[in-house]
C-alpha cells in the first residue's frame, strides 16, 4: 500500500490539513514547515494521488503537452519555457511524443486540467474531446472548436527584409522549407515575396532556395547550392534556427566572412541564436513571450471556458547581433 498524507502527518508531527496544504504549495504554511514536510514526503516515497486530488479540488494541477519535435532546438526551447511558466503557476506538466489523438486520450486518463498541442502535430483527434478538456493550440489546429495562438510570420519576413534594405542590401536570398504541408513555412515564403515587392527588390532564381527540410543539414546543402551560383547575394534570411546554423557553416566553409562578405538573419527569436558560430541577428516572437501567452491563455481557459479569443496573433521582433553589416557603396 502506498504512502498517504496521514502517514506523512504522523512522521512530521503536524496535522493532516497542514501536510495537504504544504504538498499543494499553500502560502498558509510556514516555509520551514513546508520544507520539512516535503523532505519527509520525498524520503518516504510519497506519490500524489491525482484522481483523489481531483475529487476534492476538481483539479489535478497537471497540464498535458503534445511534444512537437525532440529534434528542433527552437521548439525544445519553447517547451522548456512553457514548463517554467506552468511551474510558476503551481502546475505540473507531462509530455507525450505520441500522435495527437493518442496523446489526448492518455491525458484524459490522467485527468489533466488542460492540454497544449502544436499545429505541426498530425492533429488527428476526436473533436468531442476538445469539448471536455480545455485545449490551446500553438498554430491553427484542424479542429474549429480549439482556440489557437499563432505568429505573424509575414510581418517577421517584412522586418527582416526592411532591416537589410535599410543597410543597403538589394540582392537578398531566403533559404527555407517551402513545404505546402506546413502553414508556418508557407506563410514565411509568401511574406518574403511580399516584402521584396514592397521594397521594389528584384526576385530572381537565387532569391528563393528550398531546403526541403528544417534541419541543419538541409540549410547547409541549400546554402552550398546557392553559393555555387554565378551571383552570390549580399544577404541571406534563414527560415529557422537549425537552417541558419547550416547556413553559417556553409558560408564559412566557402571562405566568406560574416558580415563583411555576406549578412545573415535567422528566423526564431531564441537566446540560442547568440550561441551560434556567428551570433545571428534574428526575427520572431521572443520565446519567453510565446511561452507566457500560451500558458496564460490555457490557464485562463481552464478557469473560465470561452474566455480566450479564438485566434491570438503574436507580433514578431528583430534582435540585433553581429551578423549584418552596411553594404559598401558599389558592391550591391
C-alpha atoms as a PDB file:
ATOM      1  CA  UNK A   1       0.000   0.000   0.000  1.00  0.00           C
ATOM      2  CA  UNK A   2       1.314   3.468  -0.933  1.00  0.00           C
ATOM      3  CA  UNK A   3       2.342   6.207   1.457  1.00  0.00           C
ATOM      4  CA  UNK A   4      -0.556   8.507   2.347  1.00  0.00           C
ATOM      5  CA  UNK A   5      -0.808  12.077   3.590  1.00  0.00           C
ATOM      6  CA  UNK A   6      -1.788  10.686   7.007  1.00  0.00           C
ATOM      7  CA  UNK A   7       1.491   8.734   7.146  1.00  0.00           C
ATOM      8  CA  UNK A   8       3.453  11.894   6.424  1.00  0.00           C
ATOM      9  CA  UNK A   9       1.454  13.790   9.063  1.00  0.00           C
ATOM     10  CA  UNK A  10       2.290  11.167  11.712  1.00  0.00           C
ATOM     11  CA  UNK A  11       6.020  11.322  10.960  1.00  0.00           C
ATOM     12  CA  UNK A  12       6.072  15.115  10.646  1.00  0.00           C
ATOM     13  CA  UNK A  13       4.140  15.686  13.841  1.00  0.00           C
ATOM     14  CA  UNK A  14       1.701  18.059  12.130  1.00  0.00           C
ATOM     15  CA  UNK A  15      -1.930  17.822  11.152  1.00  0.00           C
ATOM     16  CA  UNK A  16      -3.301  16.120   8.054  1.00  0.00           C
ATOM     17  CA  UNK A  17      -4.506  19.528   6.876  1.00  0.00           C
ATOM     18  CA  UNK A  18      -1.061  21.100   7.180  1.00  0.00           C
ATOM     19  CA  UNK A  19       0.538  18.315   5.120  1.00  0.00           C
ATOM     20  CA  UNK A  20      -2.117  18.703   2.449  1.00  0.00           C
ATOM     21  CA  UNK A  21      -1.539  22.460   2.258  1.00  0.00           C
ATOM     22  CA  UNK A  22       2.244  22.020   2.125  1.00  0.00           C
ATOM     23  CA  UNK A  23       2.066  19.483  -0.701  1.00  0.00           C
ATOM     24  CA  UNK A  24      -0.117  21.905  -2.636  1.00  0.00           C
ATOM     25  CA  UNK A  25       2.368  24.757  -2.058  1.00  0.00           C
ATOM     26  CA  UNK A  26      -0.086  26.786   0.001  1.00  0.00           C
ATOM     27  CA  UNK A  27       1.195  30.154   1.321  1.00  0.00           C
ATOM     28  CA  UNK A  28      -0.640  29.386   4.588  1.00  0.00           C
ATOM     29  CA  UNK A  29       2.157  27.031   5.656  1.00  0.00           C
ATOM     30  CA  UNK A  30       5.395  28.480   7.040  1.00  0.00           C
ATOM     31  CA  UNK A  31       8.351  27.979   4.657  1.00  0.00           C
ATOM     32  CA  UNK A  32      10.391  25.994   7.176  1.00  0.00           C
ATOM     33  CA  UNK A  33       7.424  23.702   7.915  1.00  0.00           C
ATOM     34  CA  UNK A  34       6.764  23.252   4.208  1.00  0.00           C
ATOM     35  CA  UNK A  35      10.384  22.285   3.528  1.00  0.00           C
ATOM     36  CA  UNK A  36      10.335  19.787   6.411  1.00  0.00           C
ATOM     37  CA  UNK A  37       7.135  18.148   5.121  1.00  0.00           C
ATOM     38  CA  UNK A  38       8.352  17.997   1.519  1.00  0.00           C
ATOM     39  CA  UNK A  39      11.618  16.412   2.607  1.00  0.00           C
ATOM     40  CA  UNK A  40       9.819  13.766   4.674  1.00  0.00           C
ATOM     41  CA  UNK A  41       7.395  13.086   1.816  1.00  0.00           C
ATOM     42  CA  UNK A  42      10.306  12.563  -0.582  1.00  0.00           C
ATOM     43  CA  UNK A  43      12.174  10.303   1.857  1.00  0.00           C
ATOM     44  CA  UNK A  44       9.043   8.190   2.393  1.00  0.00           C
ATOM     45  CA  UNK A  45       8.496   7.837  -1.362  1.00  0.00           C
ATOM     46  CA  UNK A  46       5.154   9.626  -1.391  1.00  0.00           C
ATOM     47  CA  UNK A  47       3.400   9.780  -4.773  1.00  0.00           C
ATOM     48  CA  UNK A  48       0.373  12.074  -5.070  1.00  0.00           C
ATOM     49  CA  UNK A  49      -2.975  10.534  -5.957  1.00  0.00           C
ATOM     50  CA  UNK A  50      -4.108  12.819  -8.750  1.00  0.00           C
ATOM     51  CA  UNK A  51      -7.500  11.184  -9.058  1.00  0.00           C
ATOM     52  CA  UNK A  52      -8.195  11.744  -5.356  1.00  0.00           C
ATOM     53  CA  UNK A  53      -6.960  15.323  -5.613  1.00  0.00           C
ATOM     54  CA  UNK A  54      -9.401  15.939  -8.444  1.00  0.00           C
ATOM     55  CA  UNK A  55     -12.293  14.598  -6.381  1.00  0.00           C
ATOM     56  CA  UNK A  56     -11.541  17.140  -3.661  1.00  0.00           C
ATOM     57  CA  UNK A  57     -10.492  20.241  -5.597  1.00  0.00           C
ATOM     58  CA  UNK A  58     -11.893  19.453  -9.065  1.00  0.00           C
ATOM     59  CA  UNK A  59      -8.324  19.944 -10.335  1.00  0.00           C
ATOM     60  CA  UNK A  60      -5.230  17.767 -10.725  1.00  0.00           C
ATOM     61  CA  UNK A  61      -2.969  20.795 -11.326  1.00  0.00           C
ATOM     62  CA  UNK A  62      -1.490  18.951 -14.309  1.00  0.00           C
ATOM     63  CA  UNK A  63      -1.125  20.221 -17.874  1.00  0.00           C
ATOM     64  CA  UNK A  64      -0.561  17.854 -20.786  1.00  0.00           C
ATOM     65  CA  UNK A  65       1.627  18.873 -23.725  1.00  0.00           C
ATOM     66  CA  UNK A  66       1.908  17.016 -27.020  1.00  0.00           C
ATOM     67  CA  UNK A  67       5.643  17.168 -27.747  1.00  0.00           C
ATOM     68  CA  UNK A  68       6.138  18.694 -31.208  1.00  0.00           C
ATOM     69  CA  UNK A  69       9.650  17.560 -32.100  1.00  0.00           C
ATOM     70  CA  UNK A  70      12.542  16.439 -29.947  1.00  0.00           C
ATOM     71  CA  UNK A  71      14.932  17.314 -32.802  1.00  0.00           C
ATOM     72  CA  UNK A  72      14.092  21.013 -33.235  1.00  0.00           C
ATOM     73  CA  UNK A  73      16.064  23.330 -30.947  1.00  0.00           C
ATOM     74  CA  UNK A  74      13.592  26.214 -31.193  1.00  0.00           C
ATOM     75  CA  UNK A  75      10.613  24.066 -30.217  1.00  0.00           C
ATOM     76  CA  UNK A  76      12.577  22.363 -27.447  1.00  0.00           C
ATOM     77  CA  UNK A  77      13.448  25.805 -26.074  1.00  0.00           C
ATOM     78  CA  UNK A  78       9.796  26.853 -26.242  1.00  0.00           C
ATOM     79  CA  UNK A  79       8.632  23.717 -24.430  1.00  0.00           C
ATOM     80  CA  UNK A  80      11.219  24.309 -21.689  1.00  0.00           C
ATOM     81  CA  UNK A  81       9.993  27.891 -21.241  1.00  0.00           C
ATOM     82  CA  UNK A  82       6.358  26.716 -21.175  1.00  0.00           C
ATOM     83  CA  UNK A  83       7.207  24.222 -18.443  1.00  0.00           C
ATOM     84  CA  UNK A  84       8.822  27.024 -16.403  1.00  0.00           C
ATOM     85  CA  UNK A  85       5.696  29.166 -16.780  1.00  0.00           C
ATOM     86  CA  UNK A  86       3.474  26.252 -15.769  1.00  0.00           C
ATOM     87  CA  UNK A  87       5.566  25.629 -12.636  1.00  0.00           C
ATOM     88  CA  UNK A  88       5.324  29.325 -11.722  1.00  0.00           C
ATOM     89  CA  UNK A  89       1.564  28.831 -11.558  1.00  0.00           C
ATOM     90  CA  UNK A  90       1.893  25.756  -9.293  1.00  0.00           C
ATOM     91  CA  UNK A  91       1.015  23.285 -12.044  1.00  0.00           C
ATOM     92  CA  UNK A  92       2.985  20.313 -13.314  1.00  0.00           C
ATOM     93  CA  UNK A  93       3.430  19.276 -16.934  1.00  0.00           C
ATOM     94  CA  UNK A  94       3.523  15.867 -18.566  1.00  0.00           C
ATOM     95  CA  UNK A  95       4.699  15.324 -22.144  1.00  0.00           C
ATOM     96  CA  UNK A  96       3.668  12.865 -24.813  1.00  0.00           C
ATOM     97  CA  UNK A  97       5.509  12.137 -28.060  1.00  0.00           C
ATOM     98  CA  UNK A  98       2.612  10.084 -29.386  1.00  0.00           C
ATOM     99  CA  UNK A  99       0.200  11.192 -32.102  1.00  0.00           C
ATOM    100  CA  UNK A 100      -2.154  13.954 -31.017  1.00  0.00           C
ATOM    101  CA  UNK A 101      -5.161  11.661 -30.797  1.00  0.00           C
ATOM    102  CA  UNK A 102      -3.271   9.067 -28.734  1.00  0.00           C
ATOM    103  CA  UNK A 103      -1.737  11.756 -26.503  1.00  0.00           C
ATOM    104  CA  UNK A 104      -5.092  13.396 -25.786  1.00  0.00           C
ATOM    105  CA  UNK A 105      -6.580  10.012 -24.876  1.00  0.00           C
ATOM    106  CA  UNK A 106      -3.687   9.402 -22.475  1.00  0.00           C
ATOM    107  CA  UNK A 107      -4.049  12.871 -20.923  1.00  0.00           C
ATOM    108  CA  UNK A 108      -7.748  12.188 -20.479  1.00  0.00           C
ATOM    109  CA  UNK A 109      -6.899   9.125 -18.359  1.00  0.00           C
ATOM    110  CA  UNK A 110      -4.578  11.278 -16.257  1.00  0.00           C
ATOM    111  CA  UNK A 111      -7.475  13.713 -15.864  1.00  0.00           C
ATOM    112  CA  UNK A 112      -5.308  16.681 -16.797  1.00  0.00           C
ATOM    113  CA  UNK A 113      -6.790  20.131 -16.348  1.00  0.00           C
ATOM    114  CA  UNK A 114      -5.772  21.315 -19.823  1.00  0.00           C
ATOM    115  CA  UNK A 115      -3.762  20.442 -22.922  1.00  0.00           C
ATOM    116  CA  UNK A 116      -1.316  22.283 -25.186  1.00  0.00           C
ATOM    117  CA  UNK A 117      -0.881  20.970 -28.717  1.00  0.00           C
ATOM    118  CA  UNK A 118       1.297  22.146 -31.598  1.00  0.00           C
ATOM    119  CA  UNK A 119      -0.174  22.645 -35.049  1.00  0.00           C
ATOM    120  CA  UNK A 120       2.608  20.700 -36.721  1.00  0.00           C
ATOM    121  CA  UNK A 121       1.470  17.515 -34.978  1.00  0.00           C
ATOM    122  CA  UNK A 122      -0.944  15.414 -37.027  1.00  0.00           C
ATOM    123  CA  UNK A 123      -3.911  16.719 -35.013  1.00  0.00           C
ATOM    124  CA  UNK A 124      -5.941  13.565 -35.700  1.00  0.00           C
ATOM    125  CA  UNK A 125      -8.209  13.813 -32.719  1.00  0.00           C
ATOM    126  CA  UNK A 126     -11.840  13.288 -31.950  1.00  0.00           C
ATOM    127  CA  UNK A 127     -13.466  16.727 -31.905  1.00  0.00           C
ATOM    128  CA  UNK A 128     -15.660  15.681 -28.979  1.00  0.00           C
ATOM    129  CA  UNK A 129     -12.591  15.564 -26.716  1.00  0.00           C
ATOM    130  CA  UNK A 130     -11.958  19.255 -27.183  1.00  0.00           C
ATOM    131  CA  UNK A 131     -15.378  19.944 -25.720  1.00  0.00           C
ATOM    132  CA  UNK A 132     -14.468  18.199 -22.460  1.00  0.00           C
ATOM    133  CA  UNK A 133     -10.884  19.319 -21.872  1.00  0.00           C
ATOM    134  CA  UNK A 134      -9.593  22.898 -22.286  1.00  0.00           C
ATOM    135  CA  UNK A 135      -7.114  22.869 -25.183  1.00  0.00           C
ATOM    136  CA  UNK A 136      -4.883  25.564 -26.674  1.00  0.00           C
ATOM    137  CA  UNK A 137      -3.071  25.045 -29.969  1.00  0.00           C
ATOM    138  CA  UNK A 138       0.164  26.767 -30.950  1.00  0.00           C
ATOM    139  CA  UNK A 139      -0.606  27.285 -34.615  1.00  0.00           C
ATOM    140  CA  UNK A 140      -4.010  26.865 -36.211  1.00  0.00           C
ATOM    141  CA  UNK A 141      -5.484  23.461 -35.411  1.00  0.00           C
ATOM    142  CA  UNK A 142      -7.742  21.500 -37.760  1.00  0.00           C
ATOM    143  CA  UNK A 143     -10.468  21.423 -35.117  1.00  0.00           C
ATOM    144  CA  UNK A 144     -12.721  24.511 -35.390  1.00  0.00           C
ATOM    145  CA  UNK A 145     -13.575  24.423 -31.688  1.00  0.00           C
ATOM    146  CA  UNK A 146      -9.974  24.778 -30.451  1.00  0.00           C
ATOM    147  CA  UNK A 147      -8.583  28.307 -29.919  1.00  0.00           C
ATOM    148  CA  UNK A 148      -5.078  28.861 -31.218  1.00  0.00           C
ATOM    149  CA  UNK A 149      -2.101  31.178 -30.857  1.00  0.00           C
ATOM    150  CA  UNK A 150      -0.062  31.973 -33.931  1.00  0.00           C
ATOM    151  CA  UNK A 151       2.723  34.262 -35.107  1.00  0.00           C
ATOM    152  CA  UNK A 152       2.524  36.990 -37.714  1.00  0.00           C
ATOM    153  CA  UNK A 153       5.097  35.288 -39.939  1.00  0.00           C
ATOM    154  CA  UNK A 154       4.573  37.677 -42.838  1.00  0.00           C
ATOM    155  CA  UNK A 155       5.445  40.604 -40.610  1.00  0.00           C
ATOM    156  CA  UNK A 156       8.566  38.759 -39.444  1.00  0.00           C
ATOM    157  CA  UNK A 157       9.736  38.472 -43.043  1.00  0.00           C
ATOM    158  CA  UNK A 158       8.885  42.114 -43.639  1.00  0.00           C
ATOM    159  CA  UNK A 159      11.010  43.162 -40.646  1.00  0.00           C
ATOM    160  CA  UNK A 160      13.947  41.110 -41.922  1.00  0.00           C
ATOM    161  CA  UNK A 161      13.806  42.473 -45.472  1.00  0.00           C
ATOM    162  CA  UNK A 162      13.246  46.029 -44.212  1.00  0.00           C
ATOM    163  CA  UNK A 163      16.275  45.802 -41.897  1.00  0.00           C
ATOM    164  CA  UNK A 164      18.528  44.542 -44.682  1.00  0.00           C
ATOM    165  CA  UNK A 165      17.148  47.076 -47.159  1.00  0.00           C
ATOM    166  CA  UNK A 166      17.996  49.936 -44.788  1.00  0.00           C
ATOM    167  CA  UNK A 167      21.541  48.564 -44.608  1.00  0.00           C
ATOM    168  CA  UNK A 168      21.731  48.909 -48.390  1.00  0.00           C
ATOM    169  CA  UNK A 169      21.113  45.286 -49.379  1.00  0.00           C
ATOM    170  CA  UNK A 170      19.204  44.732 -52.602  1.00  0.00           C
ATOM    171  CA  UNK A 171      20.228  41.197 -53.536  1.00  0.00           C
ATOM    172  CA  UNK A 172      18.638  39.138 -50.738  1.00  0.00           C
ATOM    173  CA  UNK A 173      18.010  35.369 -50.668  1.00  0.00           C
ATOM    174  CA  UNK A 174      15.583  33.458 -48.482  1.00  0.00           C
ATOM    175  CA  UNK A 175      16.620  29.918 -47.580  1.00  0.00           C
ATOM    176  CA  UNK A 176      13.757  27.940 -46.071  1.00  0.00           C
ATOM    177  CA  UNK A 177      11.459  24.951 -46.305  1.00  0.00           C
ATOM    178  CA  UNK A 178       8.731  25.607 -48.876  1.00  0.00           C
ATOM    179  CA  UNK A 179       6.657  22.558 -47.927  1.00  0.00           C
ATOM    180  CA  UNK A 180       2.960  23.132 -48.594  1.00  0.00           C
ATOM    181  CA  UNK A 181       2.068  20.894 -45.644  1.00  0.00           C
ATOM    182  CA  UNK A 182       3.461  23.372 -43.093  1.00  0.00           C
ATOM    183  CA  UNK A 183       1.442  26.590 -42.890  1.00  0.00           C
ATOM    184  CA  UNK A 184       4.173  28.328 -40.882  1.00  0.00           C
ATOM    185  CA  UNK A 185       6.738  27.839 -43.626  1.00  0.00           C
ATOM    186  CA  UNK A 186       4.383  28.745 -46.476  1.00  0.00           C
ATOM    187  CA  UNK A 187       3.495  31.996 -44.691  1.00  0.00           C
ATOM    188  CA  UNK A 188       7.183  32.877 -44.310  1.00  0.00           C
ATOM    189  CA  UNK A 189       7.705  32.140 -48.010  1.00  0.00           C
ATOM    190  CA  UNK A 190       4.784  34.347 -49.015  1.00  0.00           C
ATOM    191  CA  UNK A 191       5.857  37.047 -46.553  1.00  0.00           C
ATOM    192  CA  UNK A 192       9.352  37.204 -48.043  1.00  0.00           C
ATOM    193  CA  UNK A 193       7.990  37.625 -51.572  1.00  0.00           C
ATOM    194  CA  UNK A 194       5.552  40.339 -50.449  1.00  0.00           C
ATOM    195  CA  UNK A 195       8.284  42.229 -48.596  1.00  0.00           C
ATOM    196  CA  UNK A 196      10.671  42.097 -51.561  1.00  0.00           C
ATOM    197  CA  UNK A 197       7.951  43.541 -53.794  1.00  0.00           C
ATOM    198  CA  UNK A 198       7.116  46.260 -51.262  1.00  0.00           C
ATOM    199  CA  UNK A 199      10.735  47.459 -51.338  1.00  0.00           C
ATOM    200  CA  UNK A 200      10.939  47.076 -55.143  1.00  0.00           C
ATOM    201  CA  UNK A 201      13.645  44.439 -54.850  1.00  0.00           C
ATOM    202  CA  UNK A 202      14.149  42.022 -57.703  1.00  0.00           C
ATOM    203  CA  UNK A 203      13.238  38.351 -57.198  1.00  0.00           C
ATOM    204  CA  UNK A 204      15.481  36.031 -59.225  1.00  0.00           C
ATOM    205  CA  UNK A 205      16.189  32.317 -59.333  1.00  0.00           C
ATOM    206  CA  UNK A 206      18.660  32.810 -56.485  1.00  0.00           C
ATOM    207  CA  UNK A 207      16.189  34.698 -54.271  1.00  0.00           C
ATOM    208  CA  UNK A 208      14.272  31.621 -53.097  1.00  0.00           C
ATOM    209  CA  UNK A 209      16.189  28.491 -52.112  1.00  0.00           C
ATOM    210  CA  UNK A 210      14.146  25.498 -50.945  1.00  0.00           C
ATOM    211  CA  UNK A 211      15.826  23.390 -48.263  1.00  0.00           C
ATOM    212  CA  UNK A 212      13.214  20.623 -48.337  1.00  0.00           C
ATOM    213  CA  UNK A 213      13.547  20.349 -44.553  1.00  0.00           C
ATOM    214  CA  UNK A 214      14.070  22.331 -41.356  1.00  0.00           C
ATOM    215  CA  UNK A 215      17.257  20.682 -40.063  1.00  0.00           C
ATOM    216  CA  UNK A 216      20.884  21.815 -40.050  1.00  0.00           C
ATOM    217  CA  UNK A 217      21.922  19.608 -42.967  1.00  0.00           C
ATOM    218  CA  UNK A 218      19.088  20.950 -45.144  1.00  0.00           C
ATOM    219  CA  UNK A 219      20.265  24.512 -44.540  1.00  0.00           C
ATOM    220  CA  UNK A 220      23.880  23.540 -45.179  1.00  0.00           C
ATOM    221  CA  UNK A 221      23.187  21.789 -48.502  1.00  0.00           C
ATOM    222  CA  UNK A 222      20.840  24.534 -49.752  1.00  0.00           C
ATOM    223  CA  UNK A 223      23.407  27.246 -48.980  1.00  0.00           C
ATOM    224  CA  UNK A 224      26.153  25.376 -50.803  1.00  0.00           C
ATOM    225  CA  UNK A 225      23.887  25.203 -53.856  1.00  0.00           C
ATOM    226  CA  UNK A 226      23.285  28.944 -53.642  1.00  0.00           C
ATOM    227  CA  UNK A 227      26.964  29.785 -53.261  1.00  0.00           C
ATOM    228  CA  UNK A 228      27.766  27.863 -56.435  1.00  0.00           C
ATOM    229  CA  UNK A 229      25.586  30.298 -58.407  1.00  0.00           C
ATOM    230  CA  UNK A 230      27.111  32.846 -60.750  1.00  0.00           C
ATOM    231  CA  UNK A 231      25.975  35.685 -58.466  1.00  0.00           C
ATOM    232  CA  UNK A 232      26.138  35.436 -54.695  1.00  0.00           C
ATOM    233  CA  UNK A 233      23.633  37.531 -52.697  1.00  0.00           C
ATOM    234  CA  UNK A 234      24.830  40.138 -50.233  1.00  0.00           C
ATOM    235  CA  UNK A 235      22.373  38.895 -47.582  1.00  0.00           C
ATOM    236  CA  UNK A 236      20.544  35.710 -46.592  1.00  0.00           C
ATOM    237  CA  UNK A 237      17.481  35.152 -44.417  1.00  0.00           C
ATOM    238  CA  UNK A 238      17.305  31.675 -42.845  1.00  0.00           C
ATOM    239  CA  UNK A 239      13.898  30.071 -42.238  1.00  0.00           C
ATOM    240  CA  UNK A 240      14.679  28.505 -38.836  1.00  0.00           C
ATOM    241  CA  UNK A 241      17.321  28.219 -36.125  1.00  0.00           C
ATOM    242  CA  UNK A 242      18.580  24.877 -37.412  1.00  0.00           C
ATOM    243  CA  UNK A 243      18.607  26.008 -41.048  1.00  0.00           C
ATOM    244  CA  UNK A 244      20.529  29.127 -40.035  1.00  0.00           C
ATOM    245  CA  UNK A 245      23.193  27.024 -38.322  1.00  0.00           C
ATOM    246  CA  UNK A 246      23.716  25.158 -41.591  1.00  0.00           C
ATOM    247  CA  UNK A 247      23.855  28.448 -43.496  1.00  0.00           C
ATOM    248  CA  UNK A 248      26.639  29.783 -41.265  1.00  0.00           C
ATOM    249  CA  UNK A 249      28.747  26.650 -41.680  1.00  0.00           C
ATOM    250  CA  UNK A 250      28.372  26.586 -45.476  1.00  0.00           C
ATOM    251  CA  UNK A 251      29.209  30.285 -45.753  1.00  0.00           C
ATOM    252  CA  UNK A 252      32.362  29.987 -43.626  1.00  0.00           C
ATOM    253  CA  UNK A 253      33.498  26.829 -45.446  1.00  0.00           C
ATOM    254  CA  UNK A 254      33.282  28.797 -48.696  1.00  0.00           C
ATOM    255  CA  UNK A 255      35.787  31.292 -47.237  1.00  0.00           C
ATOM    256  CA  UNK A 256      33.226  34.075 -46.869  1.00  0.00           C
ATOM    257  CA  UNK A 257      33.274  36.307 -43.800  1.00  0.00           C
ATOM    258  CA  UNK A 258      30.082  37.197 -41.912  1.00  0.00           C
ATOM    259  CA  UNK A 259      29.059  40.043 -42.105  1.00  0.00           C
ATOM    260  CA  UNK A 260      31.908  41.518 -44.196  1.00  0.00           C
ATOM    261  CA  UNK A 261      31.107  39.436 -47.287  1.00  0.00           C
ATOM    262  CA  UNK A 262      27.556  38.410 -46.568  1.00  0.00           C
ATOM    263  CA  UNK A 263      24.943  39.362 -43.952  1.00  0.00           C
ATOM    264  CA  UNK A 264      22.659  36.768 -42.349  1.00  0.00           C
ATOM    265  CA  UNK A 265      19.392  36.978 -40.414  1.00  0.00           C
ATOM    266  CA  UNK A 266      17.839  33.869 -38.878  1.00  0.00           C
ATOM    267  CA  UNK A 267      14.232  33.145 -38.011  1.00  0.00           C
ATOM    268  CA  UNK A 268      13.490  32.023 -34.401  1.00  0.00           C
ATOM    269  CA  UNK A 269      13.912  34.621 -31.701  1.00  0.00           C
ATOM    270  CA  UNK A 270      15.569  32.400 -29.120  1.00  0.00           C
ATOM    271  CA  UNK A 271      18.684  33.032 -26.974  1.00  0.00           C
ATOM    272  CA  UNK A 272      20.441  30.145 -28.756  1.00  0.00           C
ATOM    273  CA  UNK A 273      20.835  32.417 -31.797  1.00  0.00           C
ATOM    274  CA  UNK A 274      23.515  34.234 -29.839  1.00  0.00           C
ATOM    275  CA  UNK A 275      25.425  30.988 -29.255  1.00  0.00           C
ATOM    276  CA  UNK A 276      25.937  30.013 -32.907  1.00  0.00           C
ATOM    277  CA  UNK A 277      29.370  30.151 -34.593  1.00  0.00           C
ATOM    278  CA  UNK A 278      28.430  33.712 -35.527  1.00  0.00           C
ATOM    279  CA  UNK A 279      25.819  35.251 -33.206  1.00  0.00           C
ATOM    280  CA  UNK A 280      22.889  35.906 -35.531  1.00  0.00           C
ATOM    281  CA  UNK A 281      20.557  38.844 -35.793  1.00  0.00           C
ATOM    282  CA  UNK A 282      17.166  37.137 -35.531  1.00  0.00           C
ATOM    283  CA  UNK A 283      13.473  37.702 -36.099  1.00  0.00           C
ATOM    284  CA  UNK A 284      10.416  36.182 -34.496  1.00  0.00           C
ATOM    285  CA  UNK A 285       8.458  36.363 -31.263  1.00  0.00           C
ATOM    286  CA  UNK A 286      10.780  36.182 -28.225  1.00  0.00           C
ATOM    287  CA  UNK A 287      10.408  32.681 -26.827  1.00  0.00           C
ATOM    288  CA  UNK A 288       9.586  33.960 -23.337  1.00  0.00           C
ATOM    289  CA  UNK A 289       6.633  35.936 -24.705  1.00  0.00           C
ATOM    290  CA  UNK A 290       5.318  32.941 -26.654  1.00  0.00           C
ATOM    291  CA  UNK A 291       5.605  30.640 -23.637  1.00  0.00           C
ATOM    292  CA  UNK A 292       3.821  33.064 -21.323  1.00  0.00           C
ATOM    293  CA  UNK A 293       0.997  33.749 -23.782  1.00  0.00           C
ATOM    294  CA  UNK A 294       0.402  30.033 -24.396  1.00  0.00           C
ATOM    295  CA  UNK A 295       0.440  29.193 -20.678  1.00  0.00           C
ATOM    296  CA  UNK A 296      -1.634  32.158 -19.531  1.00  0.00           C
ATOM    297  CA  UNK A 297      -4.247  31.523 -22.223  1.00  0.00           C
ATOM    298  CA  UNK A 298      -4.659  27.879 -21.252  1.00  0.00           C
ATOM    299  CA  UNK A 299      -4.900  28.626 -17.528  1.00  0.00           C
ATOM    300  CA  UNK A 300      -7.464  31.324 -18.267  1.00  0.00           C
ATOM    301  CA  UNK A 301      -9.420  28.845 -20.352  1.00  0.00           C
ATOM    302  CA  UNK A 302      -9.321  26.308 -17.514  1.00  0.00           C
ATOM    303  CA  UNK A 303     -10.737  28.812 -15.039  1.00  0.00           C
ATOM    304  CA  UNK A 304     -13.253  30.375 -17.394  1.00  0.00           C
ATOM    305  CA  UNK A 305     -14.329  28.458 -20.535  1.00  0.00           C
ATOM    306  CA  UNK A 306     -14.863  30.584 -23.653  1.00  0.00           C
ATOM    307  CA  UNK A 307     -12.826  33.408 -22.081  1.00  0.00           C
ATOM    308  CA  UNK A 308      -9.966  33.272 -24.605  1.00  0.00           C
ATOM    309  CA  UNK A 309     -10.119  34.770 -28.126  1.00  0.00           C
ATOM    310  CA  UNK A 310     -10.300  32.073 -30.785  1.00  0.00           C
ATOM    311  CA  UNK A 311      -7.321  33.461 -32.711  1.00  0.00           C
ATOM    312  CA  UNK A 312      -4.468  35.306 -30.982  1.00  0.00           C
ATOM    313  CA  UNK A 313      -1.666  36.657 -33.179  1.00  0.00           C
ATOM    314  CA  UNK A 314       1.772  37.293 -31.673  1.00  0.00           C
ATOM    315  CA  UNK A 315       3.878  40.138 -33.077  1.00  0.00           C
ATOM    316  CA  UNK A 316       7.499  39.380 -34.042  1.00  0.00           C
ATOM    317  CA  UNK A 317      10.526  41.444 -33.063  1.00  0.00           C
ATOM    318  CA  UNK A 318      14.019  41.820 -34.511  1.00  0.00           C
ATOM    319  CA  UNK A 319      17.005  41.152 -32.247  1.00  0.00           C
ATOM    320  CA  UNK A 320      20.243  42.716 -33.464  1.00  0.00           C
ATOM    321  CA  UNK A 321      23.540  40.891 -33.065  1.00  0.00           C
ATOM    322  CA  UNK A 322      26.696  40.958 -35.197  1.00  0.00           C
ATOM    323  CA  UNK A 323      25.738  39.094 -38.382  1.00  0.00           C
ATOM    324  CA  UNK A 324      24.617  42.044 -40.522  1.00  0.00           C
ATOM    325  CA  UNK A 325      26.551  44.998 -41.916  1.00  0.00           C
ATOM    326  CA  UNK A 326      26.023  48.071 -44.061  1.00  0.00           C
ATOM    327  CA  UNK A 327      26.654  47.448 -47.751  1.00  0.00           C
ATOM    328  CA  UNK A 328      29.675  49.264 -49.087  1.00  0.00           C
ATOM    329  CA  UNK A 329      28.852  51.557 -51.963  1.00  0.00           C
ATOM    330  CA  UNK A 330      29.184  49.913 -55.360  1.00  0.00           C
ATOM    331  CA  UNK A 331      29.151  46.346 -54.006  1.00  0.00           C
ATOM    332  CA  UNK A 332      25.425  45.581 -54.384  1.00  0.00           C
END
